[in-house]
Amino acid sequence: MTNLIPLLFQKRHVLPKGKMPMRVAPGSQMEAFKHALNSDIGFGVCMIDDSKSSHCSQIGTRVTVEDLDTSKNDGALIVTLYAHENFGIKSLEQHSNGGIFAEFHPLPLWPEIKIDNDQQLLADKLQIMFDKYPELAGLHQHKEFNNLSWLCQRWLEILPVPAQEKQALINTPNCFNTCDYLMSMMLDPH
């Protein structure tokens, strides 16, 4: 038996324990969303990668809807997604109703890792970002500033890192490569 999960596509990543607001426009996107909501396991959000001919990243994230509202302007749905775990995409298939499904395999969650003094910069700068953008902070009621994996995933969600680089960093057994990458960005004055 194959594992199939319905997919929706976004220009951003949402990673385990993360939340992301998503706008679902009326029309084909709304139909795909309605179909995805009928899935028992939630659905997958996959990042669009404009630099590749396939336009679809090879890693997605299984999400469920935590909250939804309707836009007063155009009737679009504004949904808040909660991310559970990442998965690798083996293949894609389009069903007759227009829904796109991925045959997938689960990827292990990054283990929780206590930050040390050298990594405190990641927590401090994320707190500054949350203070500056309260709507971003409001997505995360349970902030894990002492968990290096959680910190690295939140940074990957918000930084404008090319999709291919994000995918390579996500597709590792732990957060250490991502931590090194982020620390080099923050310590480099350029």
N, C-alpha and C. Protein backbone atom coordinates (compact mmCIF):
# COMPACT_ATOMS: atom_id res chain seq x y z
N MET A 1 0.84 -1.19 0.00
CA MET A 1 0.00 0.00 0.00
C MET A 1 0.88 1.25 0.00
N THR A 2 0.54 2.21 -0.82
CA THR A 2 1.34 3.42 -0.90
C THR A 2 0.78 4.48 0.03
N ASN A 3 1.67 5.32 0.52
CA ASN A 3 1.28 6.47 1.33
C ASN A 3 1.00 7.63 0.39
N LEU A 4 -0.24 8.13 0.39
CA LEU A 4 -0.59 9.30 -0.42
C LEU A 4 -1.10 10.40 0.49
N ILE A 5 -0.67 11.62 0.19
CA ILE A 5 -1.13 12.78 0.95
C ILE A 5 -1.49 13.88 -0.04
N PRO A 6 -2.65 14.55 0.15
CA PRO A 6 -2.99 15.66 -0.73
C PRO A 6 -2.04 16.84 -0.48
N LEU A 7 -1.73 17.57 -1.55
CA LEU A 7 -0.76 18.67 -1.46
C LEU A 7 -1.38 20.00 -1.81
N LEU A 8 -0.91 21.03 -1.14
CA LEU A 8 -1.11 22.42 -1.54
C LEU A 8 0.27 23.03 -1.66
N PHE A 9 0.41 24.03 -2.51
CA PHE A 9 1.72 24.61 -2.79
C PHE A 9 1.79 26.04 -2.30
N GLN A 10 2.93 26.40 -1.73
CA GLN A 10 3.17 27.73 -1.18
C GLN A 10 4.56 28.21 -1.59
N LYS A 11 4.79 29.50 -1.44
CA LYS A 11 6.13 30.05 -1.70
C LYS A 11 7.01 30.01 -0.46
N ARG A 12 6.44 29.57 0.68
CA ARG A 12 7.21 29.51 1.93
C ARG A 12 7.14 28.12 2.52
N HIS A 13 8.08 27.85 3.40
CA HIS A 13 8.07 26.60 4.15
C HIS A 13 7.42 26.82 5.50
N VAL A 14 6.79 25.79 6.01
CA VAL A 14 6.40 25.71 7.41
C VAL A 14 7.00 24.40 7.88
N LEU A 15 7.61 24.41 9.05
CA LEU A 15 8.36 23.25 9.54
C LEU A 15 7.78 22.76 10.86
N PRO A 16 8.13 21.54 11.27
CA PRO A 16 7.53 20.95 12.48
C PRO A 16 7.51 21.91 13.67
N LYS A 17 6.37 21.91 14.35
CA LYS A 17 6.06 22.77 15.49
C LYS A 17 5.87 24.22 15.09
N GLY A 18 5.85 24.48 13.79
CA GLY A 18 5.65 25.84 13.31
C GLY A 18 4.20 26.07 12.89
N LYS A 19 3.87 27.33 12.75
CA LYS A 19 2.54 27.72 12.29
C LYS A 19 2.72 28.72 11.16
N MET A 20 1.76 28.69 10.24
CA MET A 20 1.84 29.59 9.11
C MET A 20 0.44 30.00 8.70
N PRO A 21 0.21 31.30 8.51
CA PRO A 21 -1.06 31.71 7.92
C PRO A 21 -0.99 31.46 6.41
N MET A 22 -2.10 31.03 5.85
CA MET A 22 -2.15 30.77 4.41
C MET A 22 -3.45 31.33 3.87
N ARG A 23 -3.36 32.03 2.78
CA ARG A 23 -4.54 32.59 2.12
C ARG A 23 -4.96 31.61 1.03
N VAL A 24 -6.22 31.22 1.06
CA VAL A 24 -6.76 30.28 0.07
C VAL A 24 -7.78 31.05 -0.76
N ALA A 25 -7.43 31.33 -2.00
CA ALA A 25 -8.28 32.13 -2.88
C ALA A 25 -9.45 31.30 -3.41
N PRO A 26 -10.59 31.96 -3.67
CA PRO A 26 -11.70 31.25 -4.31
C PRO A 26 -11.26 30.70 -5.67
N GLY A 27 -11.89 29.62 -6.08
CA GLY A 27 -11.56 29.02 -7.37
C GLY A 27 -10.82 27.70 -7.18
N SER A 28 -9.86 27.43 -8.04
CA SER A 28 -9.18 26.13 -8.03
C SER A 28 -8.41 25.89 -6.73
N GLN A 29 -7.82 26.95 -6.16
CA GLN A 29 -7.09 26.79 -4.90
C GLN A 29 -8.06 26.41 -3.77
N MET A 30 -9.25 27.00 -3.75
CA MET A 30 -10.25 26.68 -2.74
C MET A 30 -10.72 25.23 -2.91
N GLU A 31 -10.91 24.79 -4.15
CA GLU A 31 -11.34 23.41 -4.39
C GLU A 31 -10.27 22.43 -3.91
N ALA A 32 -9.01 22.73 -4.18
CA ALA A 32 -7.92 21.86 -3.72
C ALA A 32 -7.87 21.84 -2.19
N PHE A 33 -8.10 23.00 -1.57
CA PHE A 33 -8.09 23.08 -0.11
C PHE A 33 -9.22 22.25 0.48
N LYS A 34 -10.43 22.36 -0.08
CA LYS A 34 -11.57 21.59 0.42
C LYS A 34 -11.28 20.09 0.33
N HIS A 35 -10.67 19.68 -0.77
CA HIS A 35 -10.34 18.27 -0.94
C HIS A 35 -9.30 17.84 0.10
N ALA A 36 -8.30 18.69 0.32
CA ALA A 36 -7.25 18.36 1.29
C ALA A 36 -7.82 18.25 2.70
N LEU A 37 -8.83 19.06 3.02
CA LEU A 37 -9.43 19.01 4.36
C LEU A 37 -10.10 17.67 4.65
N ASN A 38 -10.48 16.95 3.62
CA ASN A 38 -11.14 15.66 3.81
C ASN A 38 -10.17 14.53 4.14
N SER A 39 -8.89 14.80 4.13
CA SER A 39 -7.90 13.78 4.42
C SER A 39 -7.82 13.52 5.93
N ASP A 40 -7.76 12.24 6.30
CA ASP A 40 -7.67 11.87 7.72
C ASP A 40 -6.33 12.27 8.35
N ILE A 41 -5.29 12.36 7.56
CA ILE A 41 -3.96 12.64 8.11
C ILE A 41 -3.56 14.11 7.97
N GLY A 42 -4.48 14.94 7.52
CA GLY A 42 -4.13 16.32 7.23
C GLY A 42 -3.74 16.40 5.76
N PHE A 43 -2.90 17.34 5.43
CA PHE A 43 -2.44 17.46 4.06
C PHE A 43 -1.02 17.99 4.06
N GLY A 44 -0.42 17.98 2.90
CA GLY A 44 0.96 18.43 2.80
C GLY A 44 1.04 19.82 2.20
N VAL A 45 1.98 20.59 2.71
CA VAL A 45 2.31 21.87 2.12
C VAL A 45 3.70 21.70 1.53
N CYS A 46 3.81 22.03 0.27
CA CYS A 46 5.07 21.87 -0.44
C CYS A 46 5.49 23.22 -0.99
N MET A 47 6.76 23.55 -0.82
CA MET A 47 7.27 24.84 -1.27
C MET A 47 7.49 24.83 -2.78
N ILE A 48 7.04 25.86 -3.43
CA ILE A 48 7.28 26.05 -4.86
C ILE A 48 8.73 26.51 -5.02
N ASP A 49 9.45 25.86 -5.91
CA ASP A 49 10.85 26.21 -6.19
C ASP A 49 10.94 26.70 -7.63
N ASP A 50 10.92 28.00 -7.82
CA ASP A 50 10.94 28.58 -9.15
C ASP A 50 12.26 28.36 -9.89
N SER A 51 13.30 27.95 -9.17
CA SER A 51 14.60 27.76 -9.81
C SER A 51 14.71 26.40 -10.51
N LYS A 52 13.74 25.51 -10.28
CA LYS A 52 13.78 24.18 -10.89
C LYS A 52 12.65 24.04 -11.90
N SER A 53 12.89 23.20 -12.89
CA SER A 53 11.87 23.03 -13.92
C SER A 53 10.61 22.35 -13.38
N SER A 54 10.75 21.51 -12.35
CA SER A 54 9.59 20.83 -11.79
C SER A 54 8.75 21.76 -10.91
N HIS A 55 9.33 22.87 -10.46
CA HIS A 55 8.67 23.88 -9.64
C HIS A 55 8.21 23.37 -8.28
N CYS A 56 8.53 22.16 -7.91
CA CYS A 56 8.04 21.59 -6.66
C CYS A 56 9.23 21.04 -5.88
N SER A 57 9.32 21.43 -4.64
CA SER A 57 10.39 20.91 -3.78
C SER A 57 10.16 19.43 -3.53
N GLN A 58 11.22 18.75 -3.15
CA GLN A 58 11.14 17.31 -2.90
C GLN A 58 10.80 16.98 -1.45
N ILE A 59 10.65 18.01 -0.63
CA ILE A 59 10.28 17.81 0.77
C ILE A 59 9.06 18.67 1.06
N GLY A 60 8.08 18.07 1.72
CA GLY A 60 6.88 18.80 2.13
C GLY A 60 6.71 18.64 3.63
N THR A 61 5.68 19.26 4.15
CA THR A 61 5.39 19.19 5.58
C THR A 61 3.92 18.85 5.76
N ARG A 62 3.65 17.84 6.60
CA ARG A 62 2.26 17.49 6.90
C ARG A 62 1.72 18.51 7.90
N VAL A 63 0.55 19.07 7.57
CA VAL A 63 -0.06 20.12 8.38
C VAL A 63 -1.52 19.79 8.65
N THR A 64 -2.06 20.43 9.67
CA THR A 64 -3.50 20.43 9.93
C THR A 64 -3.93 21.88 10.12
N VAL A 65 -5.21 22.12 9.94
CA VAL A 65 -5.76 23.48 10.10
C VAL A 65 -6.06 23.71 11.57
N GLU A 66 -5.50 24.78 12.10
CA GLU A 66 -5.73 25.14 13.50
C GLU A 66 -6.84 26.18 13.65
N ASP A 67 -6.95 27.06 12.64
CA ASP A 67 -7.95 28.13 12.71
C ASP A 67 -8.24 28.58 11.29
N LEU A 68 -9.43 29.10 11.06
CA LEU A 68 -9.74 29.68 9.75
C LEU A 68 -10.73 30.80 9.89
N ASP A 69 -10.65 31.72 8.94
CA ASP A 69 -11.53 32.88 8.89
C ASP A 69 -11.73 33.24 7.43
N THR A 70 -12.73 34.03 7.14
CA THR A 70 -13.00 34.46 5.78
C THR A 70 -12.63 35.93 5.62
N SER A 71 -11.94 36.25 4.55
CA SER A 71 -11.58 37.63 4.25
C SER A 71 -12.83 38.40 3.87
N LYS A 72 -12.98 39.56 4.45
CA LYS A 72 -14.13 40.41 4.13
C LYS A 72 -13.99 41.04 2.75
N ASN A 73 -12.76 41.13 2.25
CA ASN A 73 -12.51 41.78 0.96
C ASN A 73 -12.94 40.94 -0.23
N ASP A 74 -12.52 39.66 -0.24
CA ASP A 74 -12.74 38.87 -1.46
C ASP A 74 -13.26 37.45 -1.21
N GLY A 75 -13.60 37.12 0.02
CA GLY A 75 -14.12 35.79 0.29
C GLY A 75 -13.07 34.71 0.41
N ALA A 76 -11.80 35.07 0.33
CA ALA A 76 -10.74 34.09 0.49
C ALA A 76 -10.73 33.58 1.94
N LEU A 77 -10.27 32.35 2.11
CA LEU A 77 -10.09 31.82 3.45
C LEU A 77 -8.71 32.21 3.95
N ILE A 78 -8.62 32.57 5.20
CA ILE A 78 -7.34 32.80 5.86
C ILE A 78 -7.24 31.70 6.90
N VAL A 79 -6.32 30.76 6.68
CA VAL A 79 -6.20 29.61 7.57
C VAL A 79 -4.86 29.66 8.29
N THR A 80 -4.85 29.16 9.51
CA THR A 80 -3.60 28.99 10.25
C THR A 80 -3.29 27.51 10.28
N LEU A 81 -2.13 27.16 9.75
CA LEU A 81 -1.70 25.78 9.65
C LEU A 81 -0.71 25.46 10.76
N TYR A 82 -0.80 24.25 11.30
CA TYR A 82 0.16 23.76 12.28
C TYR A 82 0.92 22.61 11.63
N ALA A 83 2.25 22.67 11.69
CA ALA A 83 3.09 21.67 11.04
C ALA A 83 3.45 20.54 12.00
N HIS A 84 3.32 19.32 11.50
CA HIS A 84 3.59 18.13 12.32
C HIS A 84 4.95 17.51 12.01
N GLU A 85 5.18 17.10 10.75
CA GLU A 85 6.47 16.52 10.39
C GLU A 85 6.71 16.69 8.90
N ASN A 86 7.97 16.56 8.53
CA ASN A 86 8.36 16.66 7.12
C ASN A 86 8.25 15.29 6.47
N PHE A 87 8.15 15.32 5.14
CA PHE A 87 8.14 14.07 4.38
C PHE A 87 8.87 14.29 3.06
N GLY A 88 9.43 13.21 2.55
CA GLY A 88 10.05 13.25 1.23
C GLY A 88 9.03 12.82 0.20
N ILE A 89 9.08 13.44 -0.96
CA ILE A 89 8.14 13.13 -2.03
C ILE A 89 8.79 12.15 -2.99
N LYS A 90 8.14 10.98 -3.16
CA LYS A 90 8.62 9.97 -4.11
C LYS A 90 8.09 10.27 -5.50
N SER A 91 6.80 10.60 -5.59
CA SER A 91 6.18 10.91 -6.88
C SER A 91 4.91 11.72 -6.65
N LEU A 92 4.45 12.37 -7.71
CA LEU A 92 3.22 13.16 -7.67
C LEU A 92 2.22 12.55 -8.63
N GLU A 93 0.94 12.66 -8.28
CA GLU A 93 -0.10 12.24 -9.21
C GLU A 93 -1.28 13.19 -9.08
N GLN A 94 -1.91 13.45 -10.21
CA GLN A 94 -3.09 14.31 -10.22
C GLN A 94 -4.31 13.43 -10.39
N HIS A 95 -5.30 13.58 -9.51
CA HIS A 95 -6.53 12.80 -9.58
C HIS A 95 -7.53 13.49 -10.49
N SER A 96 -8.55 12.77 -10.88
CA SER A 96 -9.54 13.28 -11.83
C SER A 96 -10.27 14.52 -11.30
N ASN A 97 -10.35 14.67 -9.96
CA ASN A 97 -11.02 15.84 -9.39
C ASN A 97 -10.09 17.06 -9.33
N GLY A 98 -8.86 16.93 -9.84
CA GLY A 98 -7.91 18.03 -9.88
C GLY A 98 -6.95 18.07 -8.71
N GLY A 99 -7.22 17.27 -7.68
CA GLY A 99 -6.32 17.25 -6.53
C GLY A 99 -4.97 16.64 -6.87
N ILE A 100 -3.91 17.21 -6.30
CA ILE A 100 -2.57 16.67 -6.50
C ILE A 100 -2.16 15.96 -5.22
N PHE A 101 -1.69 14.74 -5.38
CA PHE A 101 -1.28 13.90 -4.26
C PHE A 101 0.18 13.53 -4.41
N ALA A 102 0.83 13.34 -3.27
CA ALA A 102 2.22 12.90 -3.26
C ALA A 102 2.30 11.51 -2.65
N GLU A 103 3.05 10.62 -3.30
CA GLU A 103 3.46 9.40 -2.64
C GLU A 103 4.66 9.83 -1.80
N PHE A 104 4.65 9.53 -0.51
CA PHE A 104 5.65 10.11 0.37
C PHE A 104 6.22 9.09 1.34
N HIS A 105 7.33 9.48 1.93
CA HIS A 105 7.91 8.72 3.04
C HIS A 105 8.23 9.73 4.14
N PRO A 106 7.89 9.39 5.41
CA PRO A 106 8.12 10.32 6.51
C PRO A 106 9.62 10.54 6.74
N LEU A 107 9.96 11.75 7.12
CA LEU A 107 11.34 12.07 7.52
C LEU A 107 11.37 12.22 9.04
N PRO A 108 12.45 11.77 9.66
CA PRO A 108 12.50 11.86 11.14
C PRO A 108 12.52 13.31 11.61
N LEU A 109 11.87 13.53 12.74
CA LEU A 109 11.91 14.85 13.37
C LEU A 109 13.32 15.11 13.90
N TRP A 110 13.73 16.36 13.86
CA TRP A 110 15.00 16.70 14.48
C TRP A 110 14.87 16.53 15.99
N PRO A 111 15.87 15.94 16.64
CA PRO A 111 15.79 15.80 18.09
C PRO A 111 15.92 17.16 18.78
N GLU A 112 15.29 17.25 19.95
CA GLU A 112 15.44 18.49 20.73
C GLU A 112 16.87 18.56 21.25
N ILE A 113 17.48 19.73 21.10
CA ILE A 113 18.86 19.94 21.52
C ILE A 113 18.91 21.23 22.33
N LYS A 114 19.43 21.15 23.52
CA LYS A 114 19.54 22.34 24.38
C LYS A 114 20.61 23.27 23.82
N ILE A 115 20.27 24.56 23.72
CA ILE A 115 21.25 25.51 23.17
C ILE A 115 22.37 25.73 24.18
N ASP A 116 23.55 26.05 23.65
CA ASP A 116 24.66 26.42 24.53
C ASP A 116 24.93 27.91 24.35
N ASN A 117 25.88 28.42 25.08
CA ASN A 117 26.15 29.87 25.06
C ASN A 117 26.50 30.38 23.67
N ASP A 118 27.22 29.58 22.88
CA ASP A 118 27.61 30.01 21.54
C ASP A 118 26.40 30.18 20.61
N GLN A 119 25.31 29.48 20.90
CA GLN A 119 24.12 29.52 20.04
C GLN A 119 23.05 30.48 20.56
N GLN A 120 23.30 31.11 21.68
CA GLN A 120 22.32 32.01 22.29
C GLN A 120 21.93 33.15 21.35
N LEU A 121 22.84 33.53 20.45
CA LEU A 121 22.58 34.59 19.48
C LEU A 121 21.32 34.29 18.66
N LEU A 122 21.13 33.01 18.30
CA LEU A 122 19.94 32.64 17.52
C LEU A 122 18.66 32.93 18.31
N ALA A 123 18.65 32.61 19.59
CA ALA A 123 17.48 32.87 20.43
C ALA A 123 17.28 34.37 20.63
N ASP A 124 18.36 35.09 20.90
CA ASP A 124 18.25 36.53 21.14
C ASP A 124 17.72 37.27 19.93
N LYS A 125 18.24 36.94 18.74
CA LYS A 125 17.80 37.62 17.53
C LYS A 125 16.37 37.22 17.14
N LEU A 126 15.98 35.99 17.44
CA LEU A 126 14.60 35.61 17.15
C LEU A 126 13.64 36.35 18.09
N GLN A 127 14.04 36.54 19.34
CA GLN A 127 13.21 37.31 20.26
C GLN A 127 13.07 38.76 19.77
N ILE A 128 14.14 39.34 19.26
CA ILE A 128 14.07 40.69 18.69
C ILE A 128 13.10 40.72 17.51
N MET A 129 13.16 39.68 16.66
CA MET A 129 12.25 39.59 15.51
C MET A 129 10.80 39.47 15.99
N PHE A 130 10.56 38.66 17.02
CA PHE A 130 9.21 38.52 17.56
C PHE A 130 8.73 39.84 18.17
N ASP A 131 9.62 40.58 18.83
CA ASP A 131 9.23 41.88 19.41
C ASP A 131 8.87 42.88 18.31
N LYS A 132 9.60 42.82 17.20
CA LYS A 132 9.38 43.74 16.09
C LYS A 132 8.11 43.38 15.30
N TYR A 133 7.81 42.08 15.21
CA TYR A 133 6.66 41.59 14.45
C TYR A 133 5.76 40.75 15.36
N PRO A 134 4.90 41.39 16.16
CA PRO A 134 4.06 40.66 17.12
C PRO A 134 3.16 39.61 16.47
N GLU A 135 2.75 39.83 15.20
CA GLU A 135 1.91 38.84 14.53
C GLU A 135 2.67 37.53 14.32
N LEU A 136 3.97 37.62 14.12
CA LEU A 136 4.82 36.43 14.00
C LEU A 136 4.93 35.74 15.35
N ALA A 137 5.16 36.50 16.38
CA ALA A 137 5.25 35.94 17.74
C ALA A 137 3.93 35.30 18.14
N GLY A 138 2.81 35.90 17.72
CA GLY A 138 1.50 35.39 18.07
C GLY A 138 1.20 34.01 17.50
N LEU A 139 1.91 33.63 16.45
CA LEU A 139 1.71 32.30 15.89
C LEU A 139 2.24 31.21 16.82
N HIS A 140 3.16 31.57 17.70
CA HIS A 140 3.84 30.57 18.53
C HIS A 140 3.55 30.82 20.01
N GLN A 141 2.48 30.20 20.50
CA GLN A 141 2.16 30.35 21.92
C GLN A 141 3.20 29.65 22.79
N HIS A 142 3.74 28.54 22.31
CA HIS A 142 4.74 27.77 23.07
C HIS A 142 6.10 27.96 22.40
N LYS A 143 6.80 28.95 22.84
CA LYS A 143 8.12 29.25 22.27
C LYS A 143 9.18 28.41 22.98
N GLU A 144 10.07 27.83 22.20
CA GLU A 144 11.09 26.94 22.74
C GLU A 144 12.48 27.55 22.51
N PHE A 145 12.75 28.66 23.13
CA PHE A 145 14.01 29.37 22.92
C PHE A 145 15.23 28.58 23.42
N ASN A 146 15.02 27.54 24.22
CA ASN A 146 16.15 26.71 24.68
C ASN A 146 16.35 25.48 23.82
N ASN A 147 15.53 25.28 22.80
CA ASN A 147 15.60 24.13 21.91
C ASN A 147 16.20 24.57 20.57
N LEU A 148 17.42 24.15 20.30
CA LEU A 148 18.12 24.56 19.09
C LEU A 148 17.38 24.14 17.82
N SER A 149 16.78 22.96 17.82
CA SER A 149 16.03 22.50 16.64
C SER A 149 14.86 23.42 16.35
N TRP A 150 14.11 23.79 17.39
CA TRP A 150 12.98 24.69 17.21
C TRP A 150 13.44 26.04 16.68
N LEU A 151 14.51 26.58 17.24
CA LEU A 151 15.05 27.87 16.79
C LEU A 151 15.45 27.82 15.32
N CYS A 152 16.19 26.79 14.94
CA CYS A 152 16.66 26.68 13.56
C CYS A 152 15.48 26.57 12.59
N GLN A 153 14.46 25.83 12.97
CA GLN A 153 13.31 25.69 12.08
C GLN A 153 12.55 27.00 11.94
N ARG A 154 12.42 27.76 13.02
CA ARG A 154 11.73 29.05 12.90
C ARG A 154 12.53 29.98 11.99
N TRP A 155 13.87 29.99 12.11
CA TRP A 155 14.68 30.83 11.24
C TRP A 155 14.55 30.41 9.78
N LEU A 156 14.52 29.11 9.51
CA LEU A 156 14.37 28.66 8.12
C LEU A 156 13.02 29.07 7.55
N GLU A 157 12.01 29.17 8.40
CA GLU A 157 10.69 29.59 7.92
C GLU A 157 10.69 31.07 7.51
N ILE A 158 11.43 31.91 8.22
CA ILE A 158 11.29 33.35 7.99
C ILE A 158 12.40 33.96 7.13
N LEU A 159 13.57 33.33 7.06
CA LEU A 159 14.65 33.90 6.26
C LEU A 159 14.45 33.63 4.77
N PRO A 160 14.85 34.60 3.93
CA PRO A 160 14.72 34.40 2.48
C PRO A 160 15.88 33.58 1.91
N VAL A 161 15.97 32.34 2.34
CA VAL A 161 16.99 31.42 1.86
C VAL A 161 16.43 30.73 0.61
N PRO A 162 17.22 30.58 -0.46
CA PRO A 162 16.72 29.89 -1.66
C PRO A 162 16.16 28.51 -1.31
N ALA A 163 15.09 28.13 -2.00
CA ALA A 163 14.38 26.87 -1.71
C ALA A 163 15.32 25.67 -1.73
N GLN A 164 16.22 25.63 -2.69
CA GLN A 164 17.11 24.48 -2.81
C GLN A 164 18.01 24.36 -1.57
N GLU A 165 18.51 25.49 -1.06
CA GLU A 165 19.33 25.47 0.15
C GLU A 165 18.50 25.05 1.36
N LYS A 166 17.27 25.57 1.47
CA LYS A 166 16.41 25.18 2.58
C LYS A 166 16.16 23.68 2.56
N GLN A 167 15.88 23.15 1.37
CA GLN A 167 15.60 21.73 1.25
C GLN A 167 16.80 20.90 1.69
N ALA A 168 18.00 21.31 1.31
CA ALA A 168 19.21 20.58 1.71
C ALA A 168 19.39 20.62 3.22
N LEU A 169 19.13 21.77 3.83
CA LEU A 169 19.27 21.89 5.28
C LEU A 169 18.22 21.08 6.02
N ILE A 170 17.01 21.07 5.51
CA ILE A 170 15.92 20.34 6.16
C ILE A 170 16.15 18.83 6.07
N ASN A 171 16.75 18.38 4.98
CA ASN A 171 16.91 16.95 4.71
C ASN A 171 18.15 16.39 5.42
N THR A 172 18.28 16.68 6.70
CA THR A 172 19.38 16.18 7.51
C THR A 172 18.80 15.59 8.80
N PRO A 173 19.55 14.72 9.49
CA PRO A 173 18.99 14.06 10.68
C PRO A 173 18.89 14.95 11.91
N ASN A 174 19.55 16.12 11.89
CA ASN A 174 19.48 17.03 13.05
C ASN A 174 19.70 18.46 12.57
N CYS A 175 19.73 19.39 13.50
CA CYS A 175 19.77 20.81 13.15
C CYS A 175 21.18 21.40 13.07
N PHE A 176 22.23 20.60 13.25
CA PHE A 176 23.57 21.18 13.37
C PHE A 176 24.04 21.89 12.10
N ASN A 177 23.77 21.34 10.90
CA ASN A 177 24.15 22.03 9.67
C ASN A 177 23.42 23.36 9.54
N THR A 178 22.14 23.35 9.90
CA THR A 178 21.35 24.58 9.84
C THR A 178 21.87 25.60 10.84
N CYS A 179 22.22 25.14 12.02
CA CYS A 179 22.76 26.04 13.05
C CYS A 179 24.05 26.70 12.54
N ASP A 180 24.95 25.90 11.98
CA ASP A 180 26.20 26.45 11.43
C ASP A 180 25.92 27.48 10.34
N TYR A 181 24.99 27.14 9.45
CA TYR A 181 24.61 28.03 8.36
C TYR A 181 24.07 29.36 8.90
N LEU A 182 23.14 29.26 9.86
CA LEU A 182 22.53 30.46 10.44
C LEU A 182 23.56 31.31 11.20
N MET A 183 24.41 30.65 11.97
CA MET A 183 25.41 31.39 12.74
C MET A 183 26.37 32.11 11.80
N SER A 184 26.76 31.47 10.70
CA SER A 184 27.66 32.13 9.76
C SER A 184 26.97 33.36 9.12
N MET A 185 25.67 33.26 8.86
CA MET A 185 24.94 34.41 8.33
C MET A 185 24.89 35.55 9.32
N MET A 186 24.68 35.23 10.58
CA MET A 186 24.50 36.27 11.60
C MET A 186 25.82 36.88 12.05
N LEU A 187 26.89 36.12 11.93
CA LEU A 187 28.19 36.65 12.36
C LEU A 187 28.94 37.34 11.23
N ASP A 188 28.56 37.08 9.98
CA ASP A 188 29.20 37.71 8.83
C ASP A 188 28.63 39.11 8.66
N PRO A 189 29.46 40.15 8.71
CA PRO A 189 28.93 41.51 8.62
C PRO A 189 28.35 41.88 7.26
N HIS A 190 28.54 41.07 6.25
CA HIS A 190 28.02 41.39 4.91
C HIS A 190 26.61 40.94 4.86
